[in-house]
Protein backbone atom coordinates (compact mmCIF):
# COMPACT_ATOMS: atom_id res chain seq x y z
CA MET A 1 10.16 -2.25 22.18
CA LYS A 2 6.66 -2.18 20.75
CA LYS A 3 5.85 -0.64 17.38
CA ILE A 4 2.56 -0.32 15.57
CA ILE A 5 2.77 0.14 11.81
CA TYR A 6 -0.32 0.73 9.71
CA PHE A 7 -0.14 -0.13 6.00
CA MET A 8 -2.89 1.72 4.13
CA ARG A 9 -3.85 1.77 0.48
CA HIS A 10 -4.33 5.25 -1.02
CA SER A 11 -7.74 6.89 -1.31
CA GLU A 12 -10.03 6.95 -4.37
CA VAL A 13 -8.44 8.11 -7.63
CA LEU A 14 -9.90 10.29 -10.35
CA LYS A 15 -11.16 8.20 -13.26
CA GLY A 16 -11.52 9.02 -16.94
CA ILE A 17 -8.48 11.29 -17.35
CA ASN A 18 -7.80 12.07 -21.00
CA HIS A 19 -4.18 11.19 -21.78
CA GLU A 20 -4.22 12.11 -25.49
CA PHE A 21 -2.37 15.35 -24.80
CA ASN A 22 0.83 13.84 -23.42
CA ASN A 23 3.21 11.01 -24.21
CA ASP A 24 3.46 9.45 -20.75
CA ASP A 25 3.73 5.68 -20.66
CA LEU A 26 1.76 3.55 -18.22
CA PHE A 27 4.32 3.91 -15.42
CA LEU A 28 4.27 7.72 -15.46
CA THR A 29 0.51 7.87 -15.94
CA ASN A 30 0.05 5.54 -12.97
CA GLN A 31 2.54 7.48 -10.85
CA LYS A 32 0.83 10.82 -11.55
CA SER A 33 -2.78 9.73 -10.94
CA ILE A 34 -4.55 12.11 -8.57
CA LEU A 35 -7.30 11.66 -6.02
CA SER A 36 -10.92 12.34 -6.89
CA ILE A 37 -12.83 14.99 -4.95
CA ASN A 38 -14.51 12.17 -3.04
CA GLY A 39 -11.11 10.60 -2.42
CA GLU A 40 -9.84 13.83 -0.86
CA LYS A 41 -12.95 14.12 1.32
CA LYS A 42 -12.80 10.50 2.49
CA ALA A 43 -9.10 10.71 3.33
CA GLU A 44 -9.73 13.77 5.48
CA GLU A 45 -12.77 12.15 7.11
CA ILE A 46 -10.93 8.93 7.96
CA SER A 47 -7.91 10.82 9.25
CA ASN A 48 -10.14 12.23 12.01
CA LEU A 49 -10.88 8.79 13.46
CA ASP A 50 -9.31 8.25 16.89
CA GLU A 51 -7.41 5.20 15.58
CA PHE A 52 -5.37 7.44 13.28
CA SER A 53 -4.38 10.22 15.66
CA ASP A 54 -0.88 11.03 16.88
CA PHE A 55 1.34 9.29 14.33
CA ASP A 56 5.03 9.76 15.09
CA LEU A 57 5.88 9.15 11.46
CA VAL A 58 3.84 9.20 8.24
CA VAL A 59 5.44 7.54 5.20
CA SER A 60 4.25 7.57 1.59
CA SER A 61 5.27 5.98 -1.67
CA ASN A 62 6.32 8.54 -4.28
CA TYR A 63 3.05 8.21 -6.20
CA VAL A 64 0.88 11.34 -6.19
CA ARG A 65 -2.25 9.55 -4.96
CA ALA A 66 -0.39 8.10 -1.98
CA MET A 67 1.21 11.41 -0.96
CA SER A 68 -2.13 13.17 -1.38
CA THR A 69 -3.71 10.64 1.00
CA ALA A 70 -0.88 10.71 3.52
CA LYS A 71 -0.97 14.49 4.03
CA TYR A 72 -4.26 14.26 5.96
CA PHE A 73 -2.71 12.07 8.66
CA LEU A 74 0.04 14.49 9.62
CA ASN A 75 -0.13 16.43 12.87
CA GLU A 76 2.15 19.12 14.24
CA ASN A 77 4.43 16.52 15.81
CA SER A 78 4.56 14.03 12.92
CA GLU A 79 7.58 13.49 10.73
CA PHE A 80 6.94 12.82 7.04
CA ALA A 81 8.97 10.77 4.59
CA VAL A 82 8.59 9.67 0.97
CA VAL A 83 10.11 6.22 0.47
CA ASP A 84 10.09 4.64 -2.99
CA LEU A 85 10.57 1.16 -1.49
CA PHE A 86 6.82 1.31 -0.81
CA ASN A 87 5.88 2.08 -4.43
CA GLU A 88 3.33 0.02 -6.33
CA ARG A 89 4.32 -3.00 -8.42
CA ARG A 90 5.84 -1.94 -11.76
CA HIS A 91 3.84 -3.54 -14.58
CA GLY A 92 6.59 -3.56 -17.23
CA VAL A 93 4.46 -2.46 -20.18
CA LYS A 94 3.74 0.92 -21.78
CA SER A 95 -0.07 0.61 -21.87
CA TRP A 96 -2.77 -1.45 -20.14
CA ASP A 97 -3.67 -3.35 -23.31
CA GLU A 98 -0.17 -4.86 -23.43
CA LEU A 99 -0.72 -6.82 -20.24
CA PRO A 100 -1.44 -10.53 -20.73
CA GLU A 101 -4.91 -11.81 -19.96
CA ASP A 102 -5.55 -12.46 -16.26
CA PHE A 103 -2.27 -10.77 -15.33
CA GLU A 104 -3.23 -10.12 -11.69
CA ARG A 105 -4.20 -13.73 -11.03
CA LYS A 106 -1.07 -15.06 -12.73
CA GLN A 107 1.12 -12.93 -10.47
CA PHE A 108 -0.62 -14.11 -7.30
CA GLU A 109 -0.46 -17.75 -8.38
CA ASP A 110 3.23 -17.47 -9.33
CA PHE A 111 5.16 -14.84 -7.36
CA ASN A 112 8.01 -15.04 -9.90
CA PHE A 113 5.78 -14.15 -12.87
CA LYS A 114 6.49 -10.80 -14.50
CA VAL A 115 6.29 -9.06 -17.86
CA GLY A 116 9.06 -7.17 -19.65
CA ASP A 117 11.00 -4.95 -17.26
CA GLY A 118 8.22 -5.15 -14.68
CA GLU A 119 8.42 -6.59 -11.18
CA SER A 120 7.41 -9.99 -9.91
CA LEU A 121 5.60 -10.07 -6.58
CA ASN A 122 8.68 -11.66 -5.03
CA GLU A 123 10.69 -8.61 -6.11
CA VAL A 124 8.04 -6.27 -4.71
CA LYS A 125 7.98 -8.25 -1.46
CA LYS A 126 11.78 -8.00 -1.17
CA ARG A 127 11.82 -4.20 -1.41
CA MET A 128 8.78 -3.84 0.86
CA LEU A 129 10.71 -5.83 3.49
CA LYS A 130 13.65 -3.46 3.06
CA GLY A 131 11.30 -0.57 3.72
CA LEU A 132 9.89 -2.32 6.78
CA ASP A 133 13.41 -2.88 8.09
CA LEU A 134 14.01 0.88 7.89
CA LEU A 135 10.92 1.49 10.03
CA LEU A 136 11.76 -1.18 12.59
CA ASN A 137 15.48 -0.60 12.96
CA HIS A 138 16.32 2.91 11.77
CA THR A 139 13.71 5.14 13.38
CA SER A 140 12.60 5.66 16.96
CA ALA A 141 8.99 6.21 15.87
CA GLU A 142 6.56 3.86 17.62
CA LYS A 143 3.31 4.64 15.80
CA ILE A 144 3.78 4.75 12.04
CA LEU A 145 1.52 5.03 9.00
CA VAL A 146 2.64 3.87 5.56
CA VAL A 147 0.39 4.93 2.68
CA GLY A 148 0.97 2.81 -0.39
CA HIS A 149 -0.72 0.45 -2.81
CA GLY A 150 -2.86 -2.67 -2.72
CA THR A 151 -0.68 -5.14 -4.61
CA ALA A 152 2.49 -4.04 -2.83
CA ILE A 153 0.84 -4.33 0.59
CA ALA A 154 -0.58 -7.74 -0.32
CA SER A 155 2.89 -8.92 -1.32
CA LEU A 156 4.18 -7.88 2.11
CA LEU A 157 1.29 -9.62 3.86
CA SER A 158 2.26 -12.83 2.05
CA VAL A 159 5.40 -13.03 4.21
CA TRP A 160 3.24 -13.98 7.21
CA CYS A 161 -0.15 -14.81 5.72
CA ASN A 162 -1.54 -17.51 3.51
CA ILE A 163 -3.23 -15.58 0.71
CA ILE A 164 -5.83 -16.86 -1.73
CA TYR A 165 -6.31 -14.55 -4.70
CA GLY A 166 -9.75 -12.98 -4.37
CA GLY A 167 -10.28 -14.93 -1.15
CA GLU A 168 -9.06 -15.37 2.40
CA TYR A 169 -5.95 -13.94 4.05
CA THR A 170 -5.02 -16.14 7.02
CA PHE A 171 -2.57 -15.19 9.79
CA LYS A 172 -1.71 -17.79 12.45
CA ASP A 173 -4.68 -19.93 11.36
CA LYS A 174 -7.06 -16.98 11.76
CA VAL A 175 -8.84 -15.36 8.80
CA ILE A 176 -8.05 -11.66 8.97
CA PHE A 177 -9.44 -10.59 5.57
CA ASN A 178 -11.98 -12.08 3.18
CA ARG A 179 -13.46 -9.55 0.74
CA ARG A 180 -12.51 -7.29 -2.15
CA TRP A 181 -9.92 -4.61 -1.50
CA THR A 182 -11.36 -1.11 -1.09
CA TYR A 183 -9.71 2.28 -1.19
CA MET A 184 -7.85 3.07 2.04
CA GLU A 185 -7.81 -0.63 2.96
CA CYS A 186 -5.74 -0.73 6.12
CA PHE A 187 -3.78 -3.41 7.98
CA LYS A 188 -2.44 -2.81 11.48
CA PHE A 189 0.85 -4.60 12.21
CA GLU A 190 1.94 -4.96 15.84
CA PHE A 191 5.60 -5.71 16.56
CA THR A 192 7.35 -6.52 19.83
CA ASP A 193 11.16 -6.49 19.64
CA ASN A 194 10.86 -6.73 15.83
CA GLU A 195 8.68 -9.84 16.02
CA LEU A 196 5.29 -9.56 14.36
CA VAL A 197 2.72 -10.59 16.97
CA ASN A 198 -0.53 -9.56 15.29
CA ILE A 199 -2.09 -8.31 12.06
CA GLU A 200 -5.55 -6.75 12.06
CA ASN A 201 -7.58 -5.51 9.11
CA LEU A 202 -9.40 -2.23 9.73
CA ASN A 203 -12.52 -1.85 7.59
CA ILE A 204 -12.64 1.95 7.46
CA TRP A 205 -14.04 2.74 3.97
CA LYS A 206 -17.81 3.02 4.46
């Protein structure tokens, strides 16, 4: 059986939200972040591309910005599911200024590195693979979209790709990605009988 699964980062988020009026920690603030007006418009625009028509199943993390992106890709025949296995990496601190210097690079150079009760990239990769197993073995859907988050998707890509932080992503000796991540960055995974046969990056954010 052939399955095509698209892993897409969420659309553009609203910046500059004033958080002085609530007591949410970084995790809740991050989980509740909403799309900007431009982010809503771009998600709707990109959803109209032929590549993204007729999904059997649309899946989102339980973050607001991911669900708000995913809604545009639903059609009258699509099923929709929210799966927390596809959530973003948990930082493990209560505010951004508590993160150690160069935190992102340290995590990509050591997949076991984590802070406090946060997640290492190996832990993120493990749960992303559990989510992928659900899609491959527990649904009949053949064309699937997963809307999630950049770091989590990158951790999944590392299962099959050689990844250089800020540099090339190589799959089967072929460079498939070599630039900065954008909003709605999308990777198309093609499986035959559960074997990954190809990964393609779709540069859709113009």
